[in-house]
Amino acid sequence: MSVGDADRLLRYQPDDRPPAGLVLGSGLQIVVLGITGLVAFPTIVVRAAGGTEAYLSWAVFCTVAVSGVATMLQASRLGRIGAGYILTIGPAAAYIGICVTALTVAGPGVLAVLVVISSLLPLAISARLSLFRRILTPTVVGTVNMLIPATALPVVFGRLSDVPEAAPTLAGPLTAAATIFVISVIHLKTRPRLRLWALLLGVVAGTAVAAAFGLYDLERVLRASWAGLPPSAWPGLDLDFDPVVLGLLPAFVFVALIGTIQTITAAVAVQRVSWRRSRAVDYRVVQGAVAADGVGKLLCGVGGIMPTQTTTVSVPTIEITGVAARRVGIAAGALMIVLAFIPKALALVLAIPEPVYAAYLMVLLALIFARGMSEVIQGGMDHRKALIAGLGFWVGVGFQNGMLFPEHLEGVAGGLLANGITVGGLTAILMTLFLDVTAPRVSRFEGESDLSALPKIRELIREFAARSGWGSTMVDRLDAASEETLLALVGQDDGDQPRERRRLLLSARREADAAVLEFVATAGEENIQDSIGMLADRPDDLRMEREVSLRLLRHIASSVRHQKFHDADIVTVRVDAPTTRS
């Protein structure tokens, strides 16, 4: 679907108020699309770890309820928490492997502690997102994304043949095959509207085949009550655990980091499909989304269950239905909370046999692996990315399966090296840090965000251009670009209110045959990128000083990117060098 098509089909923007029936129907569609994952993921984790039925019922109840609360929080945007857009929350497949390990080794109480500690990471990142933008590189994120299936698939493969002994030999394989076949055919050969339902229809098809073999637990559904709470099985927080369990904490932190990246991606994507007119990404919205995601994880930790994660299911739903009103997100969250108190509905999904769940997760984990590859190769692949991603991935796989010096490394650092996500992620990060440390020197200036800084900025530009081997033409371009950007930043302070004192950090670096200038200042209210984009729609005879500045910047720079955070404005200007050196 083209951008133009999306613009024409969008019926309701985030601030609009659709009819109540449409809001409820759209919210119900989102819940139905995600119901399998809401119940399947905690079920797989608890059963694979040998948990009790009481804890399973508690885990499913808490997962659905917390997902509803966090989804409502994302749409509502309370202060700096929440995006103010339709962003659904649900359990994350990425956590399956490490949650099973934590439950098996130490139990739900220790899992609760690990989840609570790791939930502090997205909360910290949301507060200072601008400081993490260089650490969260696509290569590191992609490598860890590829390692997630490598650690979780052994658990999933073990559930493919988990059927009663009295069941026919082919019951498990045929059930799993039917699930994967239906998901694959719909995903590969149908239109976008039907592809949204591929996972759900695959689970329904697999369950139908399983029922034919007598594998569907209909008795469980009949026993479940229509309304009520599950038996209390809250594990509490177990602070008295073996130090070996500390080896799992870095893995939880790494997966939380990946979840934060996915939340950032979802928050950016939902902004791009939720407005009729294209606009620059507001990173304050992204910070709110990450904060709400952290709150959801914190609630999961307090409840002693696997963490939840922001999903992207709402993005294609908005593109197809044309409904982006935040009221739909609030309705979807409220419906999840109601669903948590209907055991009969949850039992319908809990009764689905293990081979169906396992096949469903195989598809999801395959997509996570492919997403990791696309993260690594975005912007092109070079020898540096190839080595970082390749070595990080295979070192992680080797340590996860005990194939790299197990006789020497077993028990080192409390079992820290036994988890592939931890080791592979650390390998990729250390190699990335090595590249940063050994990179060419970056020219920097720090001072007041004011026109009085121009002489020192010009001096920095001249020294930077001379060191890069550029002549007077490039110096003039860089000088003009820096001046116009500073004018645009300073122009945000115009008005009757007293101007707030702001600090400016300017860095200049060379990338191939171009210069990249990065201006970091405290936040203003207007987005420069949006202002430049709207110039084409304004009459040519407008000649206000600020608009002239923006027009010049648009023609001098090859690209301008303005990222707005709560604590800073970051404007990145790329200026191409002239084809011939002057």
Protein backbone atom coordinates (compact mmCIF):
# COMPACT_ATOMS: atom_id res chain seq x y z
CA MET A 1 0.00 0.00 0.00
CA SER A 2 1.41 3.36 -0.98
CA VAL A 3 1.57 6.37 1.29
CA GLY A 4 -1.03 8.07 -0.80
CA ASP A 5 -3.41 5.12 -0.41
CA ALA A 6 -2.87 5.16 3.35
CA ASP A 7 -3.69 8.89 3.43
CA ARG A 8 -6.96 8.35 1.55
CA LEU A 9 -8.06 5.38 3.64
CA LEU A 10 -7.38 6.91 7.08
CA ARG A 11 -10.80 7.67 8.54
CA TYR A 12 -9.98 8.65 12.11
CA GLN A 13 -6.79 10.21 13.49
CA PRO A 14 -5.64 9.73 17.12
CA ASP A 15 -7.54 12.77 18.45
CA ASP A 16 -10.79 11.97 16.61
CA ARG A 17 -13.90 10.50 18.28
CA PRO A 18 -15.41 7.67 16.21
CA PRO A 19 -18.86 6.25 17.05
CA ALA A 20 -18.91 4.03 20.16
CA GLY A 21 -19.87 0.95 18.14
CA LEU A 22 -16.89 1.39 15.81
CA VAL A 23 -14.54 1.91 18.77
CA LEU A 24 -15.76 -1.27 20.47
CA GLY A 25 -15.64 -3.31 17.26
CA SER A 26 -12.12 -2.15 16.37
CA GLY A 27 -10.92 -2.84 19.91
CA LEU A 28 -12.45 -6.32 19.83
CA GLN A 29 -10.68 -7.08 16.54
CA ILE A 30 -7.31 -6.21 18.08
CA VAL A 31 -8.00 -8.44 21.11
CA VAL A 32 -9.09 -11.39 18.96
CA LEU A 33 -5.95 -11.04 16.84
CA GLY A 34 -3.76 -11.19 19.93
CA ILE A 35 -5.67 -13.64 22.14
CA THR A 36 -3.63 -16.67 21.10
CA GLY A 37 -0.35 -15.08 22.15
CA LEU A 38 -1.85 -13.71 25.37
CA VAL A 39 -2.59 -17.24 26.56
CA ALA A 40 -0.13 -19.36 24.55
CA PHE A 41 3.15 -17.79 25.70
CA PRO A 42 2.65 -18.10 29.47
CA THR A 43 1.20 -21.57 28.92
CA ILE A 44 4.27 -22.76 27.01
CA VAL A 45 6.62 -21.31 29.64
CA VAL A 46 4.84 -22.76 32.68
CA ARG A 47 4.28 -26.19 31.16
CA ALA A 48 7.82 -26.47 29.79
CA ALA A 49 9.18 -25.64 33.26
CA GLY A 50 6.92 -28.19 34.97
CA GLY A 51 4.82 -25.59 36.81
CA THR A 52 1.60 -26.37 38.67
CA GLU A 53 -1.89 -25.90 37.25
CA ALA A 54 -2.58 -23.27 39.92
CA TYR A 55 0.45 -21.23 38.86
CA LEU A 56 -0.51 -21.64 35.19
CA SER A 57 -3.99 -20.24 35.83
CA TRP A 58 -2.46 -17.36 37.80
CA ALA A 59 0.10 -16.63 35.07
CA VAL A 60 -2.52 -16.52 32.32
CA PHE A 61 -4.85 -14.33 34.39
CA CYS A 62 -2.08 -11.85 35.27
CA THR A 63 -0.71 -11.77 31.71
CA VAL A 64 -4.09 -10.87 30.20
CA ALA A 65 -4.90 -8.33 32.94
CA VAL A 66 -1.48 -6.60 32.87
CA SER A 67 -1.57 -6.50 29.06
CA GLY A 68 -4.93 -4.74 29.24
CA VAL A 69 -3.75 -2.19 31.80
CA ALA A 70 -0.56 -1.44 29.84
CA THR A 71 -2.45 -1.16 26.52
CA MET A 72 -4.83 1.38 28.07
CA LEU A 73 -1.83 3.24 29.50
CA GLN A 74 -0.18 3.40 26.06
CA ALA A 75 -3.29 4.94 24.52
CA SER A 76 -4.11 7.28 27.41
CA ARG A 77 -0.66 8.89 27.86
CA LEU A 78 -0.58 9.92 31.51
CA GLY A 79 2.07 12.61 31.80
CA ARG A 80 5.27 11.18 30.27
CA ILE A 81 4.00 7.60 30.43
CA GLY A 82 2.24 6.26 27.34
CA ALA A 83 2.40 7.05 23.64
CA GLY A 84 -1.11 8.41 23.09
CA TYR A 85 -1.51 6.03 20.13
CA ILE A 86 -2.92 2.52 19.60
CA LEU A 87 -0.08 0.28 20.77
CA THR A 88 -1.04 -3.11 22.15
CA ILE A 89 0.87 -4.95 24.88
CA GLY A 90 1.24 -8.71 25.20
CA PRO A 91 3.68 -11.43 26.31
CA ALA A 92 6.86 -11.63 24.24
CA ALA A 93 8.11 -14.78 22.52
CA ALA A 94 11.66 -13.52 23.03
CA TYR A 95 11.40 -14.26 26.76
CA ILE A 96 10.30 -17.88 26.44
CA GLY A 97 13.72 -19.54 26.60
CA ILE A 98 15.15 -17.57 29.52
CA CYS A 99 11.88 -17.65 31.49
CA VAL A 100 11.72 -21.43 31.19
CA THR A 101 15.32 -21.64 32.42
CA ALA A 102 14.64 -19.30 35.36
CA LEU A 103 11.51 -21.21 36.41
CA THR A 104 13.24 -24.57 36.09
CA VAL A 105 16.37 -23.55 37.98
CA ALA A 106 14.92 -21.31 40.69
CA GLY A 107 11.13 -21.01 40.53
CA PRO A 108 8.56 -18.20 40.10
CA GLY A 109 9.82 -16.09 43.02
CA VAL A 110 13.25 -15.66 41.44
CA LEU A 111 11.68 -15.08 38.02
CA ALA A 112 9.76 -12.22 39.61
CA VAL A 113 12.97 -10.62 40.90
CA LEU A 114 14.70 -10.96 37.51
CA VAL A 115 11.75 -9.38 35.71
CA VAL A 116 11.49 -6.50 38.19
CA ILE A 117 15.21 -5.68 37.87
CA SER A 118 15.21 -5.89 34.07
CA SER A 119 12.08 -3.68 33.88
CA LEU A 120 14.14 -0.80 35.23
CA LEU A 121 16.10 -0.68 31.94
CA PRO A 122 13.26 0.56 29.70
CA LEU A 123 12.22 3.00 32.42
CA ALA A 124 15.77 4.41 32.52
CA ILE A 125 16.03 4.54 28.73
CA SER A 126 12.69 6.33 28.43
CA ALA A 127 13.92 9.07 30.77
CA ARG A 128 17.15 9.65 28.82
CA LEU A 129 16.49 8.17 25.39
CA SER A 130 18.70 10.72 23.65
CA LEU A 131 21.76 9.36 25.49
CA PHE A 132 21.22 5.79 24.24
CA ARG A 133 20.86 6.52 20.54
CA ARG A 134 24.47 5.56 19.73
CA ILE A 135 24.54 2.41 21.87
CA LEU A 136 21.42 0.84 20.37
CA THR A 137 22.93 0.16 16.95
CA PRO A 138 21.02 -1.92 14.36
CA THR A 139 23.91 -4.40 14.18
CA VAL A 140 23.84 -5.15 17.91
CA VAL A 141 20.03 -5.28 17.98
CA GLY A 142 19.89 -7.54 14.93
CA THR A 143 22.47 -9.94 16.36
CA VAL A 144 20.57 -10.37 19.62
CA ASN A 145 17.31 -10.75 17.70
CA MET A 146 18.82 -13.63 15.74
CA LEU A 147 20.03 -15.25 18.97
CA ILE A 148 16.58 -15.23 20.58
CA PRO A 149 15.22 -18.08 18.39
CA ALA A 150 18.50 -19.97 18.82
CA THR A 151 17.93 -20.09 22.60
CA ALA A 152 14.15 -20.63 22.53
CA LEU A 153 13.74 -23.18 19.74
CA PRO A 154 15.06 -26.16 21.76
CA VAL A 155 12.19 -25.56 24.17
CA VAL A 156 9.71 -25.26 21.29
CA PHE A 157 10.94 -28.34 19.43
CA GLY A 158 10.55 -30.37 22.61
CA ARG A 159 6.81 -29.56 22.68
CA LEU A 160 6.06 -30.68 19.10
CA SER A 161 5.65 -34.31 20.16
CA ASP A 162 4.12 -33.63 23.59
CA VAL A 163 0.93 -35.69 23.28
CA PRO A 164 -0.68 -38.33 25.52
CA GLU A 165 0.82 -41.81 25.25
CA ALA A 166 -2.50 -43.23 24.03
CA ALA A 167 -2.63 -40.81 21.09
CA PRO A 168 -1.83 -42.07 17.56
CA THR A 169 1.82 -41.80 16.51
CA LEU A 170 1.13 -39.23 13.81
CA ALA A 171 -1.15 -37.05 15.96
CA GLY A 172 1.58 -34.60 16.99
CA PRO A 173 3.31 -34.22 13.59
CA LEU A 174 0.05 -33.85 11.65
CA THR A 175 -1.33 -31.31 14.11
CA ALA A 176 1.84 -29.20 13.93
CA ALA A 177 2.04 -29.55 10.14
CA ALA A 178 -1.56 -28.37 9.71
CA THR A 179 -0.89 -25.30 11.86
CA ILE A 180 2.25 -24.30 9.98
CA PHE A 181 0.69 -25.08 6.57
CA VAL A 182 -2.35 -22.83 7.08
CA ILE A 183 -0.28 -19.98 8.53
CA SER A 184 2.23 -20.20 5.67
CA VAL A 185 -0.33 -20.37 2.85
CA ILE A 186 -2.30 -17.39 4.19
CA HIS A 187 0.85 -15.39 4.89
CA LEU A 188 2.39 -16.09 1.47
CA LYS A 189 -0.57 -16.04 -0.90
CA THR A 190 -3.36 -13.81 0.42
CA ARG A 191 -4.11 -10.12 0.64
CA PRO A 192 -2.99 -7.93 3.59
CA ARG A 193 -6.45 -7.90 5.19
CA LEU A 194 -6.47 -11.71 5.53
CA ARG A 195 -2.77 -11.92 6.47
CA LEU A 196 -3.63 -10.20 9.74
CA TRP A 197 -5.54 -13.35 10.69
CA ALA A 198 -2.93 -15.88 9.53
CA LEU A 199 -1.66 -16.85 12.99
CA LEU A 200 -5.14 -17.11 14.50
CA LEU A 201 -6.51 -19.16 11.58
CA GLY A 202 -3.48 -21.45 11.71
CA VAL A 203 -4.11 -22.14 15.40
CA VAL A 204 -7.80 -22.83 14.68
CA ALA A 205 -6.88 -25.27 11.88
CA GLY A 206 -4.30 -27.06 14.02
CA THR A 207 -6.75 -27.29 16.90
CA ALA A 208 -9.38 -28.81 14.59
CA VAL A 209 -6.91 -31.52 13.49
CA ALA A 210 -5.92 -32.10 17.12
CA ALA A 211 -9.58 -32.46 18.11
CA ALA A 212 -10.00 -35.14 15.44
CA PHE A 213 -7.27 -37.12 17.23
CA GLY A 214 -8.89 -36.48 20.62
CA LEU A 215 -6.14 -34.11 21.81
CA TYR A 216 -8.31 -31.08 22.60
CA ASP A 217 -9.02 -30.87 26.34
CA LEU A 218 -12.75 -30.18 26.16
CA GLU A 219 -13.19 -31.28 29.77
CA ARG A 220 -11.09 -28.31 30.90
CA VAL A 221 -13.40 -25.90 29.12
CA LEU A 222 -16.51 -27.49 30.64
CA ARG A 223 -15.04 -27.32 34.16
CA ALA A 224 -14.13 -23.63 33.91
CA SER A 225 -16.53 -21.10 35.42
CA TRP A 226 -17.98 -18.24 33.43
CA ALA A 227 -16.64 -15.53 35.71
CA GLY A 228 -14.28 -15.20 38.65
CA LEU A 229 -10.65 -15.16 39.76
CA PRO A 230 -8.16 -18.04 39.60
CA PRO A 231 -6.88 -19.61 42.86
CA SER A 232 -4.25 -17.33 44.39
CA ALA A 233 -0.80 -18.57 43.38
CA TRP A 234 1.18 -15.36 43.70
CA PRO A 235 4.83 -16.42 44.21
CA GLY A 236 6.06 -13.18 45.75
CA LEU A 237 9.64 -11.94 45.38
CA ASP A 238 12.29 -14.50 46.36
CA LEU A 239 15.44 -12.59 47.30
CA ASP A 240 17.17 -15.68 48.75
CA PHE A 241 18.52 -17.49 45.69
CA ASP A 242 21.70 -19.17 44.53
CA PRO A 243 24.32 -16.84 42.98
CA VAL A 244 24.27 -19.08 39.90
CA VAL A 245 20.92 -17.49 39.03
CA LEU A 246 22.66 -14.13 38.68
CA GLY A 247 24.05 -15.48 35.42
CA LEU A 248 20.52 -15.18 34.01
CA LEU A 249 20.18 -11.46 34.84
CA PRO A 250 22.29 -10.18 31.90
CA ALA A 251 20.18 -12.28 29.53
CA PHE A 252 16.98 -10.71 30.92
CA VAL A 253 18.55 -7.26 30.56
CA PHE A 254 19.60 -7.96 26.95
CA VAL A 255 16.13 -9.17 25.99
CA ALA A 256 14.63 -6.14 27.74
CA LEU A 257 16.98 -4.00 25.63
CA ILE A 258 15.75 -5.71 22.47
CA GLY A 259 12.19 -5.21 23.64
CA THR A 260 12.92 -1.51 24.08
CA ILE A 261 14.17 -1.32 20.50
CA GLN A 262 11.02 -3.04 19.29
CA THR A 263 8.91 -0.59 21.29
CA ILE A 264 10.80 2.32 19.72
CA THR A 265 10.22 0.80 16.27
CA ALA A 266 6.51 0.31 16.98
CA ALA A 267 6.13 3.86 18.34
CA VAL A 268 7.77 5.30 15.22
CA ALA A 269 5.72 3.11 12.87
CA VAL A 270 2.37 3.89 14.51
CA GLN A 271 3.00 7.64 14.18
CA ARG A 272 3.60 7.26 10.46
CA VAL A 273 0.28 5.48 9.81
CA SER A 274 -1.93 7.42 12.24
CA TRP A 275 -2.10 10.81 10.49
CA ARG A 276 -3.48 11.84 7.12
CA ARG A 277 -0.63 14.27 6.59
CA SER A 278 2.93 13.01 6.87
CA ARG A 279 4.81 14.48 9.84
CA ALA A 280 8.19 14.05 11.49
CA VAL A 281 8.52 11.49 14.26
CA ASP A 282 7.97 12.94 17.74
CA TYR A 283 10.46 11.16 19.99
CA ARG A 284 8.61 12.37 23.07
CA VAL A 285 5.89 9.95 21.98
CA VAL A 286 8.56 7.25 21.69
CA GLN A 287 9.79 8.00 25.21
CA GLY A 288 6.24 7.69 26.51
CA ALA A 289 5.80 4.35 24.75
CA VAL A 290 9.03 2.98 26.25
CA ALA A 291 7.99 4.18 29.72
CA ALA A 292 4.60 2.44 29.47
CA ASP A 293 6.34 -0.72 28.29
CA GLY A 294 8.59 -0.56 31.35
CA VAL A 295 5.61 -0.12 33.66
CA GLY A 296 4.00 -3.20 32.10
CA LYS A 297 7.16 -5.24 32.71
CA LEU A 298 7.33 -3.99 36.29
CA LEU A 299 3.74 -5.12 36.93
CA CYS A 300 4.60 -8.53 35.46
CA GLY A 301 7.56 -8.82 37.83
CA VAL A 302 5.40 -7.95 40.82
CA GLY A 303 2.92 -10.61 39.66
CA GLY A 304 5.67 -13.21 39.21
CA ILE A 305 5.02 -13.89 35.52
CA MET A 306 6.91 -13.60 32.21
CA PRO A 307 7.28 -10.01 30.92
CA THR A 308 5.00 -8.33 28.41
CA GLN A 309 6.11 -6.33 25.39
CA THR A 310 4.75 -3.67 23.04
CA THR A 311 3.60 -5.31 19.79
CA THR A 312 3.14 -3.96 16.27
CA VAL A 313 -0.19 -5.68 15.55
CA SER A 314 -1.97 -2.29 15.63
CA VAL A 315 0.11 -0.84 12.77
CA PRO A 316 -1.20 -3.09 9.94
CA THR A 317 -4.64 -2.97 11.55
CA ILE A 318 -4.69 0.84 11.29
CA GLU A 319 -3.46 0.69 7.68
CA ILE A 320 -6.29 -1.66 6.73
CA THR A 321 -9.19 -0.29 8.80
CA GLY A 322 -8.22 3.39 8.65
CA VAL A 323 -9.05 3.84 12.36
CA ALA A 324 -6.20 5.30 14.45
CA ALA A 325 -8.23 6.92 17.25
CA ARG A 326 -6.61 6.33 20.64
CA ARG A 327 -10.05 5.48 22.04
CA VAL A 328 -9.71 2.16 20.22
CA GLY A 329 -6.57 1.37 22.22
CA ILE A 330 -8.38 2.20 25.45
CA ALA A 331 -11.28 -0.05 24.43
CA ALA A 332 -8.92 -2.93 23.51
CA GLY A 333 -7.18 -2.69 26.89
CA ALA A 334 -10.50 -2.62 28.74
CA LEU A 335 -11.68 -5.71 26.85
CA MET A 336 -8.49 -7.56 27.84
CA ILE A 337 -9.11 -6.76 31.49
CA VAL A 338 -12.69 -8.04 31.23
CA LEU A 339 -11.44 -11.18 29.46
CA ALA A 340 -9.06 -11.92 32.36
CA PHE A 341 -12.11 -12.38 34.61
CA ILE A 342 -13.82 -14.87 32.25
CA PRO A 343 -12.13 -18.26 32.94
CA LYS A 344 -14.34 -20.03 30.40
CA ALA A 345 -12.95 -17.91 27.55
CA LEU A 346 -9.36 -18.40 28.73
CA ALA A 347 -9.94 -22.15 29.08
CA LEU A 348 -10.89 -22.35 25.39
CA VAL A 349 -7.33 -21.32 24.54
CA LEU A 350 -5.64 -23.18 27.43
CA ALA A 351 -7.15 -26.42 26.15
CA ILE A 352 -5.26 -26.15 22.85
CA PRO A 353 -2.69 -29.01 22.69
CA GLU A 354 1.07 -28.47 22.87
CA PRO A 355 1.92 -29.30 19.20
CA VAL A 356 -0.31 -26.42 18.04
CA TYR A 357 1.39 -23.95 20.39
CA ALA A 358 4.81 -25.21 19.34
CA ALA A 359 4.08 -24.85 15.62
CA TYR A 360 2.65 -21.37 16.20
CA LEU A 361 5.83 -20.34 18.02
CA MET A 362 8.06 -21.83 15.32
CA VAL A 363 6.58 -19.38 12.84
CA LEU A 364 6.90 -16.42 15.22
CA LEU A 365 10.53 -17.24 16.08
CA ALA A 366 11.35 -17.61 12.39
CA LEU A 367 9.98 -14.11 11.81
CA ILE A 368 12.04 -12.79 14.74
CA PHE A 369 15.17 -14.30 13.19
CA ALA A 370 14.36 -12.70 9.84
CA ARG A 371 13.74 -9.37 11.55
CA GLY A 372 17.17 -9.64 13.13
CA MET A 373 18.77 -10.19 9.73
CA SER A 374 16.95 -7.18 8.28
CA GLU A 375 18.18 -5.03 11.21
CA VAL A 376 21.78 -6.00 10.48
CA ILE A 377 21.66 -5.35 6.74
CA GLN A 378 19.63 -2.11 6.84
CA GLY A 379 21.63 0.71 5.29
CA GLY A 380 23.82 -1.84 3.50
CA MET A 381 26.21 -4.58 4.60
CA ASP A 382 29.95 -4.07 4.91
CA HIS A 383 32.84 -6.12 6.28
CA ARG A 384 32.50 -4.57 9.75
CA LYS A 385 28.79 -5.39 10.14
CA ALA A 386 29.36 -8.87 8.73
CA LEU A 387 32.06 -9.72 11.25
CA ILE A 388 30.25 -8.23 14.26
CA ALA A 389 26.94 -9.94 13.50
CA GLY A 390 28.42 -13.24 12.30
CA LEU A 391 30.88 -13.68 15.14
CA GLY A 392 28.40 -12.48 17.77
CA PHE A 393 25.76 -14.92 16.55
CA TRP A 394 27.94 -18.02 16.33
CA VAL A 395 29.75 -17.34 19.60
CA GLY A 396 26.33 -17.06 21.24
CA VAL A 397 25.12 -20.31 19.68
CA GLY A 398 28.32 -22.08 20.69
CA PHE A 399 28.09 -21.04 24.34
CA GLN A 400 24.33 -21.70 24.49
CA ASN A 401 24.88 -25.31 23.45
CA GLY A 402 28.04 -25.88 25.48
CA MET A 403 30.25 -26.37 22.43
CA LEU A 404 32.97 -23.81 23.22
CA PHE A 405 35.43 -24.94 25.91
CA PRO A 406 32.76 -26.21 28.34
CA GLU A 407 35.40 -27.90 30.54
CA HIS A 408 37.08 -24.54 31.17
CA LEU A 409 34.16 -22.12 31.23
CA GLU A 410 31.48 -24.06 33.09
CA GLY A 411 30.52 -22.12 36.21
CA VAL A 412 32.61 -19.06 35.30
CA ALA A 413 31.00 -15.82 36.56
CA GLY A 414 28.13 -17.70 38.14
CA GLY A 415 27.02 -19.31 34.89
CA LEU A 416 27.06 -16.02 33.00
CA LEU A 417 28.59 -17.66 29.92
CA ALA A 418 25.94 -20.38 29.70
CA ASN A 419 23.42 -18.12 27.97
CA GLY A 420 23.84 -17.46 24.27
CA ILE A 421 21.99 -14.12 24.28
CA THR A 422 24.31 -12.77 26.97
CA VAL A 423 27.56 -13.93 25.38
CA GLY A 424 26.59 -13.12 21.79
CA GLY A 425 25.21 -9.71 22.75
CA LEU A 426 28.33 -8.84 24.74
CA THR A 427 30.53 -9.92 21.84
CA ALA A 428 28.65 -7.63 19.42
CA ILE A 429 28.68 -4.70 21.88
CA LEU A 430 32.40 -5.01 22.65
CA MET A 431 33.27 -5.11 18.96
CA THR A 432 31.05 -2.07 18.32
CA LEU A 433 32.69 -0.18 21.19
CA PHE A 434 36.09 -1.03 19.72
CA LEU A 435 35.03 0.56 16.42
CA ASP A 436 33.82 3.68 18.25
CA VAL A 437 37.05 4.02 20.25
CA THR A 438 39.23 3.65 17.17
CA ALA A 439 37.06 5.82 14.88
CA PRO A 440 38.46 9.06 13.42
CA ARG A 441 38.36 12.03 15.77
CA VAL A 442 35.11 14.01 15.83
CA SER A 443 35.24 17.81 15.99
CA ARG A 444 33.10 19.22 18.82
CA PHE A 445 31.91 22.58 20.13
CA GLU A 446 29.98 23.25 23.33
CA GLY A 447 28.50 26.58 24.34
CA GLU A 448 25.33 28.65 24.58
CA SER A 449 22.56 28.02 22.06
CA ASP A 450 22.74 31.57 20.80
CA LEU A 451 23.90 33.49 17.72
CA SER A 452 26.91 34.69 19.71
CA ALA A 453 28.32 31.15 19.26
CA LEU A 454 28.63 31.58 15.46
CA PRO A 455 32.29 32.75 15.40
CA LYS A 456 33.49 29.70 17.33
CA ILE A 457 31.31 27.39 15.21
CA ARG A 458 32.83 28.86 12.04
CA GLU A 459 36.30 28.25 13.42
CA LEU A 460 35.43 24.62 14.17
CA ILE A 461 34.00 24.19 10.65
CA ARG A 462 37.16 25.54 9.00
CA GLU A 463 39.42 23.23 11.02
CA PHE A 464 37.17 20.24 10.35
CA ALA A 465 37.04 20.90 6.58
CA ALA A 466 40.81 21.37 6.38
CA ARG A 467 41.45 18.11 8.23
CA SER A 468 39.03 16.33 5.87
CA GLY A 469 40.77 17.69 2.76
CA TRP A 470 37.89 19.89 1.59
CA GLY A 471 38.29 23.29 -0.02
CA SER A 472 36.56 26.65 0.20
CA THR A 473 33.35 25.55 -1.54
CA MET A 474 32.67 22.88 1.08
CA VAL A 475 33.64 25.28 3.86
CA ASP A 476 31.05 27.76 2.58
CA ARG A 477 28.38 25.04 2.46
CA LEU A 478 29.11 23.84 5.97
CA ASP A 479 29.28 27.36 7.30
CA ALA A 480 25.92 28.25 5.77
CA ALA A 481 24.30 24.99 6.94
CA SER A 482 25.50 25.46 10.52
CA GLU A 483 24.36 29.08 10.59
CA GLU A 484 20.88 28.30 9.23
CA THR A 485 20.43 25.38 11.62
CA LEU A 486 21.43 27.54 14.57
CA LEU A 487 19.02 30.26 13.40
CA ALA A 488 16.24 27.67 13.18
CA LEU A 489 16.98 26.38 16.70
CA VAL A 490 17.20 29.85 18.18
CA GLY A 491 13.99 30.83 16.34
CA GLN A 492 12.05 28.31 18.45
CA ASP A 493 12.46 30.65 21.40
CA ASP A 494 10.66 33.57 19.76
CA GLY A 495 7.57 34.85 21.56
CA ASP A 496 6.43 36.78 24.56
CA GLN A 497 7.72 34.29 27.12
CA PRO A 498 11.23 34.78 28.59
CA ARG A 499 13.80 32.80 26.64
CA GLU A 500 15.18 29.79 28.48
CA ARG A 501 18.95 29.47 28.58
CA ARG A 502 20.02 26.46 26.53
CA ARG A 503 23.28 24.68 25.94
CA LEU A 504 24.39 23.62 22.47
CA LEU A 505 26.69 20.72 21.59
CA LEU A 506 27.82 20.61 17.95
CA SER A 507 29.77 17.67 16.54
CA ALA A 508 31.11 17.32 13.00
CA ARG A 509 32.24 14.08 11.41
CA ARG A 510 33.00 12.82 7.93
CA GLU A 511 31.04 9.97 6.32
CA ALA A 512 32.43 9.01 2.90
CA ASP A 513 32.09 12.13 0.69
CA ALA A 514 29.79 14.00 3.03
CA ALA A 515 29.92 15.87 6.32
CA VAL A 516 27.45 15.19 9.12
CA LEU A 517 26.76 18.02 11.59
CA GLU A 518 24.86 17.12 14.75
CA PHE A 519 23.33 19.87 16.89
CA VAL A 520 22.15 18.89 20.39
CA ALA A 521 20.13 21.48 22.33
CA THR A 522 17.40 21.50 24.94
CA ALA A 523 13.91 20.90 23.60
CA GLY A 524 11.68 23.43 21.90
CA GLU A 525 8.09 22.96 20.77
CA GLU A 526 8.42 23.21 16.98
CA ASN A 527 9.90 20.47 14.81
CA ILE A 528 12.36 21.87 12.26
CA GLN A 529 11.95 18.83 10.00
CA ASP A 530 8.18 19.44 9.84
CA SER A 531 8.71 23.14 9.15
CA ILE A 532 11.04 22.40 6.22
CA GLY A 533 8.55 19.88 4.81
CA MET A 534 5.67 22.39 4.93
CA LEU A 535 7.54 25.10 3.01
CA ALA A 536 6.44 23.61 -0.30
CA ASP A 537 2.79 24.25 0.64
CA ARG A 538 3.32 27.94 1.51
CA PRO A 539 3.15 30.88 -0.92
CA ASP A 540 6.49 31.79 -2.46
CA ASP A 541 6.09 35.47 -1.52
CA LEU A 542 6.40 34.73 2.22
CA ARG A 543 9.78 36.12 3.27
CA MET A 544 9.87 36.06 7.05
CA GLU A 545 13.40 35.77 8.45
CA ARG A 546 12.85 32.33 9.99
CA GLU A 547 11.29 30.92 6.82
CA VAL A 548 14.14 32.24 4.70
CA SER A 549 16.51 30.44 7.06
CA LEU A 550 14.64 27.16 6.67
CA ARG A 551 14.49 27.51 2.87
CA LEU A 552 18.26 28.01 2.73
CA LEU A 553 18.82 25.00 4.96
CA ARG A 554 16.63 22.86 2.74
CA HIS A 555 18.71 23.74 -0.33
CA ILE A 556 22.14 23.50 1.29
CA ALA A 557 21.75 20.17 3.09
CA SER A 558 21.13 16.84 1.42
CA SER A 559 19.13 15.71 4.46
CA VAL A 560 17.89 17.19 7.74
CA ARG A 561 16.64 15.02 10.59
CA HIS A 562 15.14 16.53 13.74
CA GLN A 563 14.63 14.22 16.74
CA LYS A 564 12.61 15.73 19.60
CA PHE A 565 13.04 14.31 23.10
CA HIS A 566 11.79 15.56 26.45
CA ASP A 567 15.33 16.56 27.44
CA ALA A 568 16.87 17.59 24.11
CA ASP A 569 16.48 18.53 20.46
CA ILE A 570 18.88 16.72 18.12
CA VAL A 571 19.20 18.08 14.58
CA THR A 572 21.37 16.04 12.20
CA VAL A 573 22.36 17.81 8.97
CA ARG A 574 24.13 16.00 6.14
CA VAL A 575 25.99 18.09 3.56
CA ASP A 576 27.42 16.45 0.45
CA ALA A 577 30.88 17.50 -0.70
CA PRO A 578 31.20 19.13 -4.16
CA THR A 579 32.02 16.74 -6.99
CA THR A 580 35.29 18.54 -7.66
CA ARG A 581 37.57 19.83 -4.96
CA SER A 582 37.98 23.60 -4.99
